[in-house]
Amino acid sequence: METPFVTIGILLIFAGVIILLISAIQGTDIKSGGGAVIFIGPIPIALGTDKKWALTALITGIIIYLLFIIYRNKIY
């Protein structure tokens, strides 16, 4: 049984690859950076290459946590 989150995740990956390909064809400079979220229990811990990426990762982690809570409550 496939959840809509799997489909959304796959579509976001493809959209990112397409954006990178278009940027490479146009010769646009791409700034590199990134972040990650680690969940320890219900607490998201954000890591990033700078403050902007860490904040983005933290907000994303909080949104994922809230979606998990909402989705979990619909099941039970």
N, C-alpha and C. Protein backbone atom coordinates (compact mmCIF):
# COMPACT_ATOMS: atom_id res chain seq x y z
N MET A 1 0.84 -1.18 0.00
CA MET A 1 0.00 0.00 0.00
C MET A 1 0.89 1.24 0.00
N GLU A 2 0.73 2.06 -0.99
CA GLU A 2 1.58 3.24 -1.15
C GLU A 2 0.89 4.46 -0.57
N THR A 3 1.61 5.19 0.25
CA THR A 3 1.04 6.41 0.84
C THR A 3 1.29 7.59 -0.09
N PRO A 4 0.53 8.66 0.06
CA PRO A 4 0.77 9.83 -0.80
C PRO A 4 2.11 10.49 -0.51
N PHE A 5 2.69 10.26 0.68
CA PHE A 5 3.99 10.86 1.00
C PHE A 5 5.09 10.29 0.12
N VAL A 6 5.00 9.03 -0.23
CA VAL A 6 6.00 8.41 -1.10
C VAL A 6 5.94 9.05 -2.48
N THR A 7 4.74 9.22 -3.00
CA THR A 7 4.57 9.84 -4.31
C THR A 7 5.06 11.28 -4.31
N ILE A 8 4.73 12.03 -3.27
CA ILE A 8 5.17 13.42 -3.16
C ILE A 8 6.69 13.49 -3.08
N GLY A 9 7.31 12.60 -2.31
CA GLY A 9 8.76 12.57 -2.19
C GLY A 9 9.44 12.30 -3.51
N ILE A 10 8.93 11.33 -4.26
CA ILE A 10 9.52 11.00 -5.57
C ILE A 10 9.37 12.17 -6.53
N LEU A 11 8.22 12.81 -6.53
CA LEU A 11 8.01 13.97 -7.40
C LEU A 11 8.94 15.13 -7.04
N LEU A 12 9.19 15.34 -5.75
CA LEU A 12 10.12 16.41 -5.34
C LEU A 12 11.55 16.10 -5.77
N ILE A 13 11.94 14.85 -5.72
CA ILE A 13 13.28 14.47 -6.18
C ILE A 13 13.43 14.75 -7.67
N PHE A 14 12.43 14.34 -8.45
CA PHE A 14 12.49 14.59 -9.89
C PHE A 14 12.49 16.08 -10.20
N ALA A 15 11.71 16.87 -9.46
CA ALA A 15 11.68 18.32 -9.68
C ALA A 15 13.05 18.93 -9.39
N GLY A 16 13.71 18.48 -8.34
CA GLY A 16 15.04 18.99 -8.01
C GLY A 16 16.06 18.66 -9.08
N VAL A 17 16.00 17.44 -9.61
CA VAL A 17 16.93 17.05 -10.67
C VAL A 17 16.69 17.89 -11.91
N ILE A 18 15.44 18.12 -12.26
CA ILE A 18 15.13 18.94 -13.45
C ILE A 18 15.62 20.37 -13.26
N ILE A 19 15.44 20.94 -12.07
CA ILE A 19 15.92 22.30 -11.81
C ILE A 19 17.44 22.37 -11.92
N LEU A 20 18.14 21.36 -11.40
CA LEU A 20 19.60 21.34 -11.52
C LEU A 20 20.04 21.21 -12.98
N LEU A 21 19.35 20.39 -13.76
CA LEU A 21 19.71 20.25 -15.17
C LEU A 21 19.49 21.55 -15.94
N ILE A 22 18.38 22.21 -15.70
CA ILE A 22 18.12 23.49 -16.37
C ILE A 22 19.16 24.53 -15.97
N SER A 23 19.52 24.56 -14.71
CA SER A 23 20.54 25.49 -14.24
C SER A 23 21.90 25.20 -14.87
N ALA A 24 22.24 23.92 -15.02
CA ALA A 24 23.52 23.56 -15.63
C ALA A 24 23.55 23.92 -17.10
N ILE A 25 22.45 23.77 -17.79
CA ILE A 25 22.39 24.10 -19.21
C ILE A 25 22.54 25.61 -19.41
N GLN A 26 21.94 26.40 -18.53
CA GLN A 26 22.01 27.86 -18.65
C GLN A 26 23.35 28.41 -18.17
N GLY A 27 24.15 27.60 -17.52
CA GLY A 27 25.44 28.05 -17.04
C GLY A 27 25.35 28.88 -15.78
N THR A 28 24.28 28.76 -15.05
CA THR A 28 24.08 29.51 -13.81
C THR A 28 24.94 28.91 -12.71
N ASP A 29 25.55 29.78 -11.90
CA ASP A 29 26.30 29.29 -10.76
C ASP A 29 25.34 28.79 -9.69
N ILE A 30 25.70 27.66 -9.10
CA ILE A 30 24.88 27.08 -8.05
C ILE A 30 25.65 27.17 -6.74
N LYS A 31 25.03 27.78 -5.74
CA LYS A 31 25.64 27.80 -4.42
C LYS A 31 25.36 26.46 -3.76
N SER A 32 26.38 25.88 -3.20
CA SER A 32 26.16 24.61 -2.53
C SER A 32 25.98 24.84 -1.04
N GLY A 33 25.19 24.01 -0.46
CA GLY A 33 24.91 24.07 0.96
C GLY A 33 23.90 22.99 1.27
N GLY A 34 23.64 22.79 2.50
CA GLY A 34 22.65 21.78 2.82
C GLY A 34 22.43 21.65 4.30
N GLY A 35 21.46 20.83 4.60
CA GLY A 35 21.12 20.60 5.99
C GLY A 35 20.56 19.21 6.16
N ALA A 36 20.42 18.82 7.39
CA ALA A 36 19.87 17.50 7.71
C ALA A 36 19.08 17.60 9.01
N VAL A 37 18.15 16.68 9.15
CA VAL A 37 17.36 16.61 10.37
C VAL A 37 17.51 15.21 10.94
N ILE A 38 17.82 15.14 12.23
CA ILE A 38 17.92 13.87 12.93
C ILE A 38 16.83 13.87 14.00
N PHE A 39 16.01 12.83 13.99
CA PHE A 39 14.96 12.72 14.99
C PHE A 39 15.42 11.81 16.11
N ILE A 40 15.44 12.33 17.33
CA ILE A 40 15.69 11.52 18.52
C ILE A 40 14.39 11.54 19.29
N GLY A 41 13.64 10.45 19.15
CA GLY A 41 12.30 10.43 19.70
C GLY A 41 11.45 11.44 18.95
N PRO A 42 10.72 12.28 19.65
CA PRO A 42 9.90 13.28 18.96
C PRO A 42 10.63 14.60 18.71
N ILE A 43 11.91 14.69 19.06
CA ILE A 43 12.63 15.96 18.98
C ILE A 43 13.49 16.00 17.72
N PRO A 44 13.22 16.97 16.81
CA PRO A 44 14.06 17.11 15.63
C PRO A 44 15.32 17.92 15.96
N ILE A 45 16.47 17.42 15.53
CA ILE A 45 17.74 18.14 15.70
C ILE A 45 18.22 18.51 14.30
N ALA A 46 18.45 19.79 14.07
CA ALA A 46 18.81 20.28 12.73
C ALA A 46 20.31 20.53 12.64
N LEU A 47 20.87 20.16 11.51
CA LEU A 47 22.27 20.42 11.18
C LEU A 47 22.30 21.16 9.85
N GLY A 48 23.25 22.06 9.68
CA GLY A 48 23.34 22.78 8.42
C GLY A 48 24.71 23.38 8.21
N THR A 49 24.99 23.74 6.97
CA THR A 49 26.28 24.34 6.65
C THR A 49 26.36 25.79 7.11
N ASP A 50 25.22 26.44 7.28
CA ASP A 50 25.16 27.78 7.86
C ASP A 50 23.81 27.96 8.56
N LYS A 51 23.57 29.14 9.11
CA LYS A 51 22.34 29.35 9.89
C LYS A 51 21.09 29.20 9.04
N LYS A 52 21.15 29.66 7.81
CA LYS A 52 19.99 29.59 6.93
C LYS A 52 19.58 28.14 6.69
N TRP A 53 20.54 27.28 6.39
CA TRP A 53 20.23 25.88 6.12
C TRP A 53 19.81 25.14 7.38
N ALA A 54 20.40 25.49 8.51
CA ALA A 54 20.00 24.86 9.77
C ALA A 54 18.56 25.23 10.12
N LEU A 55 18.20 26.49 9.93
CA LEU A 55 16.83 26.93 10.20
C LEU A 55 15.85 26.26 9.24
N THR A 56 16.22 26.16 7.97
CA THR A 56 15.37 25.49 6.99
C THR A 56 15.18 24.02 7.36
N ALA A 57 16.25 23.36 7.78
CA ALA A 57 16.15 21.96 8.18
C ALA A 57 15.29 21.81 9.43
N LEU A 58 15.41 22.72 10.37
CA LEU A 58 14.61 22.65 11.59
C LEU A 58 13.13 22.84 11.28
N ILE A 59 12.80 23.81 10.45
CA ILE A 59 11.40 24.04 10.08
C ILE A 59 10.85 22.83 9.34
N THR A 60 11.64 22.26 8.44
CA THR A 60 11.22 21.06 7.72
C THR A 60 10.99 19.90 8.68
N GLY A 61 11.87 19.74 9.65
CA GLY A 61 11.71 18.68 10.64
C GLY A 61 10.45 18.84 11.47
N ILE A 62 10.14 20.07 11.85
CA ILE A 62 8.93 20.33 12.63
C ILE A 62 7.69 20.03 11.79
N ILE A 63 7.70 20.42 10.52
CA ILE A 63 6.57 20.14 9.64
C ILE A 63 6.40 18.63 9.46
N ILE A 64 7.49 17.90 9.27
CA ILE A 64 7.40 16.45 9.13
C ILE A 64 6.84 15.83 10.40
N TYR A 65 7.28 16.30 11.55
CA TYR A 65 6.79 15.78 12.82
C TYR A 65 5.28 16.03 12.95
N LEU A 66 4.83 17.23 12.62
CA LEU A 66 3.41 17.54 12.72
C LEU A 66 2.59 16.70 11.74
N LEU A 67 3.09 16.49 10.52
CA LEU A 67 2.40 15.63 9.56
C LEU A 67 2.31 14.20 10.08
N PHE A 68 3.37 13.74 10.72
CA PHE A 68 3.36 12.40 11.30
C PHE A 68 2.28 12.28 12.37
N ILE A 69 2.18 13.27 13.25
CA ILE A 69 1.18 13.26 14.31
C ILE A 69 -0.24 13.27 13.72
N ILE A 70 -0.47 14.11 12.73
CA ILE A 70 -1.79 14.19 12.09
C ILE A 70 -2.12 12.87 11.40
N TYR A 71 -1.16 12.32 10.64
CA TYR A 71 -1.39 11.07 9.93
C TYR A 71 -1.60 9.92 10.89
N ARG A 72 -0.87 9.89 11.96
CA ARG A 72 -0.99 8.82 12.96
C ARG A 72 -2.35 8.86 13.65
N ASN A 73 -2.86 10.04 13.93
CA ASN A 73 -4.17 10.17 14.56
C ASN A 73 -5.31 9.74 13.64
N LYS A 74 -5.13 9.86 12.33
CA LYS A 74 -6.15 9.42 11.40
C LYS A 74 -6.23 7.89 11.33
N ILE A 75 -5.09 7.23 11.57
CA ILE A 75 -5.08 5.77 11.51
C ILE A 75 -5.80 5.18 12.71
N TYR A 76 -5.56 5.71 13.90
CA TYR A 76 -6.14 5.14 15.12
C TYR A 76 -7.48 5.73 15.43
